[in-house]
Protein backbone atom coordinates (compact mmCIF):
# COMPACT_ATOMS: atom_id res chain seq x y z
CA MET A 1 -1.31 14.17 50.70
CA ILE A 2 1.88 12.76 49.15
CA ARG A 3 -0.11 9.93 47.55
CA LYS A 4 -2.65 12.37 46.17
CA LYS A 5 0.04 14.49 44.56
CA THR A 6 1.74 11.40 43.15
CA ILE A 7 -1.47 10.13 41.59
CA TYR A 8 -2.32 13.59 40.31
CA ARG A 9 1.11 14.01 38.76
CA LYS A 10 1.10 10.59 37.10
CA LEU A 11 -2.37 11.07 35.66
CA PHE A 12 -1.46 14.54 34.44
CA ILE A 13 1.70 13.25 32.75
CA ASN A 14 -0.22 10.36 31.15
CA TYR A 15 -3.03 12.55 29.84
CA THR A 16 -0.53 15.16 28.64
CA ALA A 17 1.38 12.46 26.78
CA ILE A 18 -1.87 11.21 25.24
CA ILE A 19 -2.97 14.71 24.18
CA PHE A 20 0.49 15.47 22.83
CA SER A 21 0.55 12.19 20.88
CA ILE A 22 -2.89 12.90 19.44
CA ILE A 23 -1.84 16.43 18.43
CA ILE A 24 1.37 15.14 16.85
CA PHE A 25 -0.62 12.48 15.00
CA PHE A 26 -3.12 15.12 13.89
CA GLU A 27 -0.32 17.41 12.70
CA VAL A 28 1.53 14.63 10.89
CA PHE A 29 -1.68 13.33 9.34
CA SER A 30 -2.79 16.82 8.27
CA ILE A 31 0.60 17.73 6.83
CA SER A 32 0.85 14.38 5.04
CA ASN A 33 -2.66 14.78 3.68
CA VAL A 34 -1.99 18.34 2.50
CA ARG A 35 1.30 17.27 0.92
CA LYS A 36 -0.48 14.41 -0.84
CA GLN A 37 -3.20 16.77 -2.08
CA ALA A 38 -0.53 19.17 -3.34
CA ALA A 39 1.26 16.31 -5.10
CA ASP A 40 -2.00 15.04 -6.64
CA GLU A 41 -2.86 18.54 -7.83
CA ASN A 42 0.57 18.99 -9.40
CA ILE A 43 0.34 15.58 -11.05
CA ARG A 44 -3.09 16.38 -12.52
CA PHE A 45 -1.82 19.76 -13.73
CA ASN A 46 1.25 18.16 -15.33
CA GLN A 47 -0.94 15.56 -17.01
CA LEU A 48 -3.18 18.24 -18.51
CA VAL A 49 -0.25 20.38 -19.64
CA SER A 50 1.65 17.39 -21.04
CA GLU A 51 -1.40 16.26 -22.97
CA GLU A 52 -1.91 19.79 -24.29
CA VAL A 53 1.73 20.02 -25.44
CA ALA A 54 1.57 16.59 -27.05
CA ASN A 55 -1.69 17.46 -28.84
CA ASN A 56 -0.18 20.72 -30.08
CA ALA A 57 2.89 18.90 -31.40
CA LYS A 58 0.60 16.40 -33.10
CA ASN A 59 -1.38 19.26 -34.66
CA MET A 60 1.87 20.69 -36.02
CA SER A 61 2.73 17.33 -37.58
CA ASP A 62 -0.79 16.86 -38.95
CA THR A 63 -0.77 20.36 -40.45
CA ALA A 64 2.54 19.68 -42.23
CA ASP A 65 1.05 16.48 -43.67
CA LEU A 66 -2.08 18.38 -44.69
CA ILE A 67 -0.07 21.04 -46.54
CA LEU A 68 1.73 18.35 -48.54
CA TYR A 69 -1.60 16.67 -49.29
CA LYS A 70 -3.07 19.96 -50.57
CA LEU A 71 0.00 20.52 -52.76
CA TYR A 72 -0.65 17.24 -54.57
CA GLN A 73 -4.28 18.28 -55.06
CA LYS A 74 -3.39 21.46 -57.00
CA ASP A 75 -1.87 20.77 -60.39
CA SER A 76 -0.62 24.28 -61.14
CA GLU A 77 1.13 24.76 -57.79
CA LEU A 78 2.54 21.20 -57.87
CA SER A 79 3.85 21.69 -61.42
CA ASP A 80 5.55 24.95 -60.46
CA THR A 81 7.05 23.36 -57.33
CA LEU A 82 8.43 20.40 -59.31
CA LEU A 83 9.81 22.86 -61.87
CA TYR A 84 11.66 24.67 -59.10
CA LEU A 85 12.98 21.47 -57.53
CA GLU A 86 14.19 19.84 -60.76
CA ASN A 87 15.97 22.84 -62.39
CA ASP A 88 18.50 25.46 -61.53
CA LEU A 89 17.18 28.91 -60.67
CA ASP A 90 17.80 30.54 -64.07
CA THR A 91 16.06 27.75 -65.94
CA TYR A 92 13.21 27.80 -63.40
CA TYR A 93 12.57 31.52 -63.78
CA GLN A 94 12.84 31.33 -67.60
CA ILE A 95 10.35 28.46 -67.90
CA ARG A 96 8.03 30.08 -65.39
CA LEU A 97 8.08 33.34 -67.35
CA ASP A 98 7.32 31.48 -70.57
CA ARG A 99 4.38 29.69 -68.96
CA PHE A 100 3.00 32.96 -67.67
CA SER A 101 3.36 34.56 -71.11
CA ASN A 102 1.62 31.69 -72.82
CA ASN A 103 -1.23 31.70 -70.30
CA GLN A 104 -4.17 33.44 -71.97
CA SER A 105 -5.88 34.16 -68.64
CA ASN A 106 -2.87 36.09 -67.40
CA GLU A 107 -3.08 34.08 -64.17
CA TYR A 108 -0.33 31.85 -62.90
CA TYR A 109 -0.34 29.97 -59.58
CA GLY A 110 3.05 28.87 -58.32
CA ASN A 111 4.63 27.65 -55.13
CA ASP A 112 4.71 31.20 -53.74
CA ASP A 113 0.93 31.42 -53.93
CA PHE A 114 0.62 27.99 -52.37
CA ALA A 115 2.93 28.94 -49.49
CA LYS A 116 1.00 32.13 -48.71
CA GLU A 117 -2.26 30.19 -48.73
CA SER A 118 -0.83 27.48 -46.41
CA PHE A 119 -0.02 29.98 -43.65
CA SER A 120 -3.75 30.30 -43.02
CA LEU A 121 -3.95 26.64 -41.92
CA ASP A 122 -2.09 27.29 -38.66
CA SER A 123 -1.13 30.61 -37.13
CA GLN A 124 1.90 28.98 -35.49
CA ILE A 125 3.61 28.34 -38.87
CA LYS A 126 6.57 30.70 -39.23
CA GLU A 127 8.18 29.55 -42.49
CA ILE A 128 7.55 27.20 -45.42
CA SER A 129 10.54 26.20 -47.52
CA PHE A 130 11.08 24.14 -50.67
CA VAL A 131 14.51 22.49 -51.04
CA SER A 132 15.79 20.99 -54.31
CA HIS A 133 17.45 17.64 -53.78
CA ALA A 134 19.36 17.67 -57.08
CA LYS A 135 20.18 21.38 -57.48
CA LYS A 136 20.80 22.10 -53.75
CA HIS A 137 18.96 25.38 -53.56
CA ARG A 138 16.21 26.52 -51.22
CA ILE A 139 13.43 29.06 -51.31
CA THR A 140 11.85 30.14 -47.99
CA TYR A 141 8.56 31.97 -47.44
CA SER A 142 7.97 33.58 -44.02
CA ASP A 143 4.67 34.40 -42.38
CA GLY A 144 5.58 38.08 -42.75
CA GLY A 145 5.75 37.82 -46.55
CA ASP A 146 9.55 37.73 -46.89
CA VAL A 147 11.10 35.41 -49.50
CA ARG A 148 14.67 34.14 -49.25
CA VAL A 149 16.60 32.08 -51.79
CA SER A 150 19.78 30.32 -50.70
CA GLU A 151 22.11 27.45 -51.47
CA VAL A 152 22.19 24.36 -49.20
CA SER A 153 25.04 22.04 -48.35
CA SER A 154 25.20 18.27 -48.71
CA SER A 155 25.31 17.91 -44.93
CA PHE A 156 22.06 19.84 -44.64
CA LEU A 157 20.45 17.54 -47.21
CA GLU A 158 21.54 14.53 -45.15
CA ARG A 159 19.76 16.02 -42.14
CA LEU A 160 16.54 16.10 -44.15
CA ASN A 161 16.32 12.31 -43.87
CA GLN A 162 14.75 12.98 -40.45
CA TYR A 163 11.09 13.81 -40.14
CA ILE A 164 11.72 16.53 -37.54
CA LEU A 165 14.79 18.68 -36.97
CA LEU A 166 15.79 21.91 -35.25
CA GLU A 167 16.89 24.96 -37.22
CA ASP A 168 17.43 28.50 -35.89
CA ASN A 169 15.21 27.98 -32.82
CA HIS A 170 12.49 26.49 -35.02
CA ILE A 171 10.94 23.03 -35.13
CA VAL A 172 11.00 21.91 -38.74
CA PHE A 173 8.77 19.16 -40.14
CA VAL A 174 10.28 17.60 -43.28
CA GLU A 175 7.92 16.37 -46.04
CA ASN A 176 9.32 14.50 -49.05
CA ILE A 177 8.12 15.69 -52.48
CA GLN A 178 8.09 13.08 -55.25
CA ASN A 179 7.35 13.46 -58.94
CA PRO A 180 3.93 11.78 -59.41
CA MET A 181 4.97 10.56 -62.85
CA THR A 182 8.35 9.00 -62.01
CA MET A 183 7.88 8.60 -58.21
CA GLU A 184 11.43 9.91 -57.81
CA LEU A 185 12.40 12.15 -54.91
CA THR A 186 12.79 15.67 -56.26
CA GLY A 187 13.00 17.67 -53.05
CA TYR A 188 11.56 18.57 -49.68
CA MET A 189 8.98 20.86 -48.17
CA LEU A 190 9.96 22.25 -44.75
CA VAL A 191 7.24 23.55 -42.41
CA SER A 192 8.79 25.53 -39.53
CA TYR A 193 7.23 26.37 -36.17
CA ASN A 194 8.64 28.70 -33.56
CA LEU A 195 9.60 27.26 -30.14
CA SER A 196 7.78 30.11 -28.42
CA TYR A 197 4.78 27.88 -27.68
CA PHE A 198 6.89 25.45 -25.63
CA GLU A 199 8.74 28.30 -23.90
CA LYS A 200 5.44 29.96 -23.01
CA ASN A 201 4.06 26.69 -21.70
CA TYR A 202 7.17 26.16 -19.56
CA LYS A 203 7.18 29.71 -18.17
CA GLU A 204 3.59 29.34 -16.97
CA ASN A 205 4.90 26.88 -14.35
CA LYS A 206 8.66 27.07 -14.01
CA GLU A 207 8.61 24.64 -11.09
CA SER A 208 8.00 21.84 -13.59
CA GLU A 209 10.54 20.83 -16.22
CA LEU A 210 9.45 20.28 -19.85
CA ILE A 211 11.26 18.11 -22.39
CA VAL A 212 10.00 17.58 -25.97
CA PHE A 213 11.94 15.33 -28.32
CA TYR A 214 11.59 13.31 -31.51
CA ASP A 215 13.51 10.05 -31.62
CA GLN A 216 16.73 11.27 -29.96
CA THR A 217 16.49 14.83 -31.29
CA VAL A 218 15.75 17.30 -28.50
CA LEU A 219 13.17 19.87 -29.64
CA PHE A 220 12.83 21.68 -26.32
CA ASP A 221 14.55 21.09 -22.98
CA SER A 222 13.93 23.43 -20.06
CA THR A 223 16.69 21.68 -18.06
CA GLY A 224 19.37 22.77 -20.55
CA LYS A 225 20.84 19.24 -20.79
CA ASN A 226 19.83 18.90 -24.47
CA THR A 227 20.11 15.13 -24.26
CA VAL A 228 17.53 12.42 -23.67
CA ASP A 229 19.81 9.42 -23.21
CA TYR A 230 18.91 9.19 -19.53
CA LEU A 231 15.21 9.05 -20.47
CA LEU A 232 15.57 6.11 -22.88
CA ASN A 233 16.23 2.43 -22.27
CA ASP A 234 18.79 0.31 -24.10
CA SER A 235 16.39 -0.10 -27.05
CA GLY A 236 16.01 3.65 -27.45
CA VAL A 237 12.42 3.57 -26.16
CA LEU A 238 11.15 6.04 -23.57
CA LYS A 239 11.24 4.50 -20.08
CA SER A 240 8.06 4.03 -18.07
CA GLU A 241 6.81 6.75 -15.72
CA GLN A 242 7.63 4.55 -12.70
CA GLU A 243 11.25 4.14 -13.82
CA LEU A 244 11.61 7.86 -14.56
CA GLU A 245 10.16 8.76 -11.15
CA LYS A 246 12.96 6.78 -9.49
CA ILE A 247 15.65 8.28 -11.72
CA LEU A 248 14.46 11.89 -11.48
CA ALA A 249 13.03 11.74 -7.92
CA ALA A 250 10.02 13.54 -9.33
CA TYR A 251 6.40 13.12 -10.36
CA VAL A 252 6.54 12.36 -14.08
CA CYS A 253 3.93 12.57 -16.86
CA CYS A 254 4.74 11.21 -20.32
CA TYR A 255 2.83 11.51 -23.60
CA GLY A 256 3.83 10.32 -27.03
CA MET A 257 2.15 11.16 -30.37
CA ASN A 258 3.53 10.54 -33.87
CA LYS A 259 6.92 9.68 -32.35
CA ILE A 260 6.99 13.06 -30.58
CA ASN A 261 7.51 12.48 -26.87
CA VAL A 262 6.59 14.97 -24.18
CA VAL A 263 8.01 14.54 -20.67
CA ARG A 264 6.97 16.93 -17.93
CA TYR A 265 8.04 16.41 -14.35
CA ILE A 266 8.17 18.25 -11.07
CA PRO A 267 10.68 17.32 -8.34
CA LYS A 268 8.99 15.65 -5.38
CA GLU A 269 10.36 18.15 -2.86
CA ILE A 270 8.62 20.88 -4.87
CA GLY A 271 5.49 18.90 -5.70
CA ASN A 272 4.93 18.04 -2.04
CA ARG A 273 5.69 21.53 -0.78
CA ILE A 274 3.18 23.24 1.50
CA SER A 275 2.76 26.99 1.58
CA PRO A 276 4.28 28.67 4.68
CA PHE A 277 0.90 30.20 5.58
CA LEU A 278 -0.82 26.81 5.58
CA MET A 279 1.99 25.23 7.60
CA LEU A 280 1.79 28.05 10.16
CA SER A 281 -1.99 27.63 10.36
CA LEU A 282 -1.66 23.91 11.11
CA ILE A 283 0.94 24.53 13.83
CA VAL A 284 -1.11 27.30 15.49
CA THR A 285 -4.22 25.08 15.39
CA GLY A 286 -2.30 22.23 17.03
CA ILE A 287 -0.96 24.51 19.78
CA PHE A 288 -4.45 25.87 20.47
CA ILE A 289 -5.98 22.39 20.69
CA PHE A 290 -3.15 21.24 22.98
CA GLY A 291 -3.65 24.21 25.32
CA ALA A 292 -7.42 23.73 25.48
CA GLY A 293 -6.98 20.02 26.14
CA GLU A 294 -4.50 20.64 28.95
CA PHE A 295 -6.86 23.09 30.63
CA LEU A 296 -9.77 20.64 30.55
CA VAL A 297 -7.55 17.80 31.79
CA LEU A 298 -6.35 19.86 34.76
CA ARG A 299 -9.89 20.68 35.80
CA ARG A 300 -11.10 17.13 35.42
CA LEU A 301 -8.11 15.47 37.07
CA GLU A 302 -8.47 17.47 40.25
CA HIS A 303 -11.96 16.04 40.76
CA LEU A 304 -11.14 12.49 39.64
CA THR A 305 -8.03 12.31 41.78
CA GLN A 306 -10.04 13.01 44.91
CA ARG A 307 -12.38 10.13 44.13
CA LEU A 308 -9.48 7.83 43.23
CA VAL A 309 -7.72 8.61 46.51
CA SER A 310 -10.95 7.72 48.33
CA LEU A 311 -10.95 4.31 46.63
CA LEU A 312 -7.29 3.73 47.46
CA ASN A 313 -7.88 4.61 51.09
CA GLY A 314 -10.70 2.06 51.21
CA MET A 315 -8.39 -0.60 49.74
CA GLU A 316 -5.75 0.23 52.33
CA ARG A 317 -8.31 -0.29 55.09
CA VAL A 318 -9.23 -3.71 53.67
CA ARG A 319 -5.56 -4.55 53.41
CA GLY A 320 -5.22 -3.65 57.08
CA GLY A 321 -7.96 -6.13 58.00
CA GLU A 322 -11.11 -3.97 57.89
CA ILE A 323 -13.00 -6.33 55.59
CA ASN A 324 -16.31 -4.61 56.33
CA SER A 325 -14.94 -1.30 54.99
CA GLN A 326 -17.20 0.61 52.56
CA VAL A 327 -16.39 3.41 50.06
CA GLU A 328 -18.67 6.40 49.51
CA ILE A 329 -20.49 6.36 46.15
CA LYS A 330 -20.89 9.79 44.48
CA PHE A 331 -23.72 8.64 42.16
CA GLU A 332 -22.19 10.28 39.07
CA ASN A 333 -22.92 7.12 37.04
CA ASP A 334 -19.37 6.70 35.80
CA GLU A 335 -16.63 4.08 36.11
CA TYR A 336 -15.53 5.33 39.53
CA ASP A 337 -19.02 4.71 40.90
CA ILE A 338 -19.01 1.24 39.33
CA ILE A 339 -15.62 0.48 40.93
CA ALA A 340 -16.80 1.79 44.30
CA GLU A 341 -20.01 -0.26 44.08
CA TYR A 342 -18.11 -3.40 43.06
CA PHE A 343 -15.55 -2.77 45.81
CA ASN A 344 -18.25 -2.52 48.45
CA GLN A 345 -19.92 -5.66 47.10
CA MET A 346 -16.54 -7.42 47.02
CA CYS A 347 -15.98 -6.63 50.70
CA THR A 348 -19.41 -8.03 51.54
CA ASP A 349 -18.84 -11.14 49.40
CA LEU A 350 -15.39 -11.57 50.90
CA GLN A 351 -16.82 -11.73 54.40
CA THR A 352 -19.36 -14.32 53.25
CA TYR A 353 -16.69 -16.30 51.40
CA ILE A 354 -14.37 -16.38 54.40
CA GLN A 355 -17.17 -17.73 56.57
CA LYS A 356 -18.09 -20.36 53.97
CA SER A 357 -14.45 -21.32 53.41
CA TYR A 358 -13.95 -21.75 57.13
CA MET A 359 -16.97 -24.04 57.39
CA ALA A 360 -15.99 -25.92 54.21
CA GLU A 361 -12.50 -26.54 55.58
CA ILE A 362 -13.99 -28.01 58.74
CA GLU A 363 -16.26 -30.25 56.66
CA GLN A 364 -13.30 -31.30 54.50
CA LYS A 365 -11.33 -32.38 57.54
CA ASN A 366 -14.30 -34.40 58.77
CA ALA A 367 -14.65 -36.05 55.35
CA GLU A 368 -10.96 -36.99 55.33
CA LEU A 369 -11.32 -38.59 58.75
CA ASN A 370 -14.37 -40.56 57.55
CA ALA A 371 -12.51 -41.68 54.42
CA LEU A 372 -9.60 -42.95 56.48
CA GLN A 373 -12.04 -44.81 58.72
CA ASN A 374 -13.89 -46.34 55.72
CA GLN A 375 -10.66 -47.69 54.24
CA ILE A 376 -10.46 -50.07 57.18
CA ASN A 377 -13.56 -52.00 55.97
CA PRO A 378 -12.19 -53.14 52.51
CA HIS A 379 -8.89 -54.13 54.14
CA PHE A 380 -10.68 -56.08 56.83
CA LEU A 381 -12.99 -57.75 54.26
CA TYR A 382 -10.07 -58.65 51.97
CA ASN A 383 -8.14 -60.23 54.85
CA THR A 384 -11.25 -62.07 56.06
CA LEU A 385 -11.96 -63.48 52.54
CA GLU A 386 -8.36 -64.63 52.25
CA ALA A 387 -8.67 -66.48 55.59
CA ILE A 388 -11.95 -68.15 54.48
CA ARG A 389 -10.37 -69.13 51.13
CA MET A 390 -7.45 -70.83 52.84
CA LYS A 391 -9.86 -72.67 55.16
CA ALA A 392 -11.92 -73.88 52.15
CA ILE A 393 -8.79 -75.15 50.42
CA CYS A 394 -7.72 -76.93 53.58
CA ASN A 395 -11.14 -78.61 53.69
CA GLY A 396 -10.73 -79.68 50.03
CA ASP A 397 -13.40 -77.35 48.60
CA LYS A 398 -11.33 -75.96 45.72
CA GLU A 399 -14.26 -74.47 43.80
CA VAL A 400 -15.32 -72.31 46.75
CA GLY A 401 -11.66 -71.37 47.19
CA LYS A 402 -11.46 -70.34 43.54
CA MET A 403 -14.52 -68.10 43.86
CA LEU A 404 -13.22 -66.54 47.05
CA TYR A 405 -9.87 -65.93 45.34
CA GLY A 406 -11.55 -64.04 42.49
CA LEU A 407 -13.61 -62.00 44.94
CA ALA A 408 -10.50 -61.24 46.99
CA ILE A 409 -8.67 -59.98 43.90
CA ILE A 410 -11.55 -57.61 43.15
CA PHE A 411 -11.53 -56.23 46.68
CA ARG A 412 -7.76 -55.92 46.61
CA SER A 413 -7.95 -53.88 43.39
CA GLN A 414 -10.35 -51.53 45.15
CA VAL A 415 -7.95 -51.04 48.02
CA LYS A 416 -4.52 -51.02 46.40
CA GLU A 417 -4.86 -50.00 42.73
CA SER A 418 -4.81 -46.32 41.68
CA SER A 419 -7.77 -44.73 39.91
CA ILE A 420 -5.97 -44.98 36.52
CA ILE A 421 -4.88 -48.47 35.42
CA THR A 422 -4.08 -50.23 32.14
CA ILE A 423 -6.72 -51.91 30.00
CA GLY A 424 -4.89 -55.20 30.63
CA LYS A 425 -5.49 -54.95 34.40
CA GLU A 426 -9.09 -53.83 33.92
CA LEU A 427 -9.78 -56.87 31.71
CA TYR A 428 -8.06 -59.13 34.26
CA PHE A 429 -10.39 -57.94 37.03
CA CYS A 430 -13.41 -58.35 34.70
CA LYS A 431 -12.31 -61.87 33.85
CA LYS A 432 -12.18 -62.82 37.53
CA TYR A 433 -15.57 -61.23 38.07
CA LEU A 434 -17.09 -63.11 35.09
CA GLU A 435 -15.54 -66.41 36.21
CA MET A 436 -17.48 -66.20 39.47
CA PHE A 437 -20.76 -65.85 37.57
CA GLU A 438 -19.72 -68.56 35.12
CA PHE A 439 -19.23 -70.87 38.09
CA ARG A 440 -22.55 -69.78 39.59
CA TYR A 441 -24.51 -70.28 36.33
CA GLN A 442 -22.81 -73.43 35.14
CA ASN A 443 -23.99 -74.61 31.71
CA LYS A 444 -26.14 -71.44 31.41
CA PHE A 445 -23.62 -68.67 30.86
CA ARG A 446 -20.38 -68.19 28.97
CA PHE A 447 -18.25 -65.16 28.06
CA ALA A 448 -15.44 -64.06 25.73
CA ILE A 449 -12.89 -61.23 25.84
CA ASP A 450 -11.14 -60.01 22.66
CA CYS A 451 -8.52 -57.26 23.03
CA PRO A 452 -5.62 -56.50 20.63
CA VAL A 453 -2.21 -56.70 22.31
CA GLU A 454 -1.35 -53.07 21.44
CA PHE A 455 -4.23 -51.85 23.64
CA MET A 456 -3.07 -53.65 26.78
CA GLU A 457 -0.89 -50.76 28.05
CA VAL A 458 -3.39 -47.99 27.28
CA LYS A 459 -4.39 -46.10 30.43
CA VAL A 460 -8.05 -46.05 31.45
CA ASN A 461 -10.26 -45.24 34.46
CA LYS A 462 -10.53 -48.12 36.92
CA PHE A 463 -13.82 -50.08 37.03
CA ILE A 464 -15.40 -48.78 33.80
CA LEU A 465 -16.39 -52.31 32.67
CA GLN A 466 -17.51 -54.01 35.90
CA PRO A 467 -20.67 -51.84 36.39
CA MET A 468 -21.78 -52.71 32.84
CA ILE A 469 -21.25 -56.40 33.47
CA GLU A 470 -23.10 -56.15 36.78
CA ASN A 471 -26.07 -54.50 35.00
CA TYR A 472 -26.27 -57.50 32.68
CA PHE A 473 -26.44 -60.00 35.54
CA VAL A 474 -29.00 -57.87 37.43
CA HIS A 475 -31.30 -56.92 34.53
CA GLY A 476 -30.39 -58.89 31.42
CA ILE A 477 -29.57 -62.54 32.09
CA ARG A 478 -32.24 -65.10 31.14
CA LEU A 479 -32.10 -67.65 33.98
CA MET A 480 -34.48 -70.07 32.28
CA ASP A 481 -32.27 -70.36 29.18
CA THR A 482 -28.88 -72.03 28.71
CA ASP A 483 -27.43 -69.84 25.90
CA ASN A 484 -26.63 -66.67 27.89
CA TYR A 485 -23.56 -65.00 26.39
CA LEU A 486 -21.51 -61.84 27.03
CA CYS A 487 -18.64 -60.59 24.86
CA ILE A 488 -16.11 -57.80 25.47
CA LYS A 489 -14.16 -56.59 22.43
CA MET A 490 -12.21 -53.48 21.43
CA GLU A 491 -11.24 -51.61 18.27
CA ALA A 492 -9.54 -48.34 17.30
CA ALA A 493 -11.54 -45.43 15.90
CA GLY A 494 -9.01 -42.84 14.75
CA GLU A 495 -7.32 -41.49 17.87
CA ASP A 496 -9.95 -43.12 20.11
CA ILE A 497 -10.69 -46.61 21.44
CA LEU A 498 -14.15 -48.18 21.40
CA ILE A 499 -15.03 -50.93 23.91
CA TYR A 500 -18.09 -53.04 23.01
CA ILE A 501 -19.90 -55.01 25.76
CA GLU A 502 -22.47 -57.14 23.95
CA ASP A 503 -24.98 -59.60 25.43
CA ASN A 504 -27.94 -61.62 24.24
CA GLY A 505 -30.05 -60.92 27.31
CA LYS A 506 -33.53 -59.50 27.79
CA GLY A 507 -32.69 -56.17 26.16
CA ILE A 508 -34.21 -52.72 26.80
CA GLU A 509 -37.32 -51.17 25.30
CA ASP A 510 -36.73 -48.49 22.65
CA ASN A 511 -38.21 -45.56 24.59
CA ARG A 512 -36.30 -46.54 27.73
CA LEU A 513 -33.07 -46.92 25.72
CA GLU A 514 -33.56 -43.47 24.18
CA GLU A 515 -34.26 -41.97 27.62
CA ILE A 516 -31.07 -43.46 29.10
CA ASN A 517 -28.90 -42.23 26.20
CA GLN A 518 -30.36 -38.71 26.41
CA LYS A 519 -29.68 -38.50 30.15
CA LEU A 520 -26.16 -39.81 29.62
CA LYS A 521 -25.64 -37.12 26.98
CA ASP A 522 -26.96 -34.45 29.37
CA ASN A 523 -24.82 -35.99 32.15
CA SER A 524 -27.91 -36.34 34.34
CA SER A 525 -28.70 -39.39 36.46
CA PRO A 526 -30.90 -41.96 34.65
CA GLU A 527 -33.23 -43.70 37.10
CA GLY A 528 -32.09 -47.24 37.87
CA SER A 529 -28.74 -46.85 36.01
CA ILE A 530 -26.41 -45.64 38.73
CA GLY A 531 -23.45 -47.72 37.53
CA VAL A 532 -23.78 -46.58 33.91
CA ARG A 533 -24.12 -42.94 34.99
CA ASN A 534 -21.09 -43.25 37.27
CA VAL A 535 -18.87 -44.59 34.48
CA ASN A 536 -20.13 -41.99 32.00
CA SER A 537 -19.56 -39.13 34.46
CA ARG A 538 -16.01 -40.23 35.23
CA ILE A 539 -15.08 -40.54 31.54
CA THR A 540 -16.62 -37.19 30.51
CA ALA A 541 -15.06 -35.45 33.50
CA MET A 542 -11.62 -36.76 32.58
CA TYR A 543 -11.65 -36.61 28.77
CA GLY A 544 -14.49 -34.28 27.73
CA LYS A 545 -18.12 -34.43 26.62
CA GLU A 546 -17.31 -36.08 23.28
CA TYR A 547 -16.38 -39.25 25.21
CA GLY A 548 -18.48 -41.50 27.45
CA VAL A 549 -21.05 -44.31 27.35
CA HIS A 550 -23.71 -45.04 24.72
CA LEU A 551 -26.29 -47.87 24.64
CA GLU A 552 -27.92 -49.49 21.63
CA LYS A 553 -29.80 -52.66 20.72
CA ASN A 554 -27.75 -55.74 19.93
CA ASP A 555 -28.55 -57.94 16.96
CA PRO A 556 -30.52 -60.21 17.19
CA ARG A 557 -31.26 -59.54 20.88
CA GLY A 558 -29.80 -58.01 23.98
CA VAL A 559 -27.90 -54.75 24.51
CA ARG A 560 -24.63 -53.37 23.19
CA VAL A 561 -22.80 -50.90 25.48
CA ILE A 562 -20.21 -48.70 23.70
CA ILE A 563 -17.54 -46.93 25.75
CA ARG A 564 -15.41 -44.31 23.93
CA PHE A 565 -12.22 -42.77 25.34
CA PRO A 566 -8.99 -41.39 23.83
CA MET A 567 -6.00 -43.61 23.18
CA GLU A 568 -3.53 -42.32 25.80
CA VAL A 569 -0.62 -44.69 26.42
């Protein structure tokens, strides 16, 4: 009962933590996504508004240029304007009156008519003024029909060197008027627009700030700073949106047209803001999902815990020695049934394995006893050969003694040497083995061994060369000929060593050679090639399938055996 409650509690805590983590992730993801959508929407809105403001400012500038262009197209109005700009007021009115008197049509078009006509080009135009550069006087026409004449100061004239300036809450576009005949500057035409458009645009979304400026002259600034130094780089050029976003901690949209720059930005804490209703909805949804998940988990855990406890009880029985224990399967086709089925099968297999292991251990002990017994035979044979060799030497038969000595060395290597020896020792044993056959086939057989000194200490499996040599004397030697020859040589191939055993014997037919190589590759036993298969199996087992034995035809006759193994010193 205690175990059941412990399992139940742990599973409940784990599932609760998982559900809670999922809900938190869902809430964080949803809030982040909504905040991103809000930010994207505010950015798109600011882009549209900024573009609209910039286009409107450009239209103002284009309209001012158009009014000046139209003035130069109308001779009467241009002549009257130049008359006003080049003379004092008394002279201007006197000459104008004379021109009107001398005009037979009783019609006279002056700058006042031109100004009234120009108001129709743009409803946002509030005033049009003409300022004399030499006489320092100004005449202003308003959209309401009022006309004002005033004197201007030298400082005001200096300000007219700018294309755009601020005057009495108006944006003023300055157009230079030159005498077409002399090309001298005679005065200025001022086209004034009210700032109400920018104020209206700003008030439609007060959460965003709006700054409009020309060069370093602030035309409209909703922040009230009335400076743009922090928006410009050292060259006086507007900084990039990325730089401004870091400085202002806001989403920034910039547009520039005809040197009029529009900057609209919304602070990130406002741009990312989520409505309280939406935030509350997300929280309530998360709480509801969490509660529903907890209810389902409680119902499910109660059932699963019972089945899990049944499995644990079965494991405890096996632990106590009841290997034949079986767990009830509910047949609900889920993981618990799979575990129960595998557990039952494991218990059955375990019983079988224990029985097999017990029998295998008995067989292993018997094999070890047999191996110890078999070791007596090579020792006995080695000692017997040594006694015969000494007897032959005593009788003066040195050649027989020499052969017995070589044979004794071979048997001694079988008894005393480990399974891994150096190439130098392996070649020494082969040399003794070949010397016996050289003595047996005098004047019919000779051999050669060529091994670089640096290979002598490389480790290799014992007796990988002798079976190949034995195959030659069993199957390859031509007893009727006197030029039988066998050569053992070695070379490096990258990180590997290749041993070549070449003879000029009878050779092997092509199909038989291909069959042997295929079976060596498959690590199967080629018929009649037990020694070759044994060497190949030992090499592949120790170093891998990319190493082993390969046979090919020798040129001009015989067989070449190639043994590949890694260079491990």
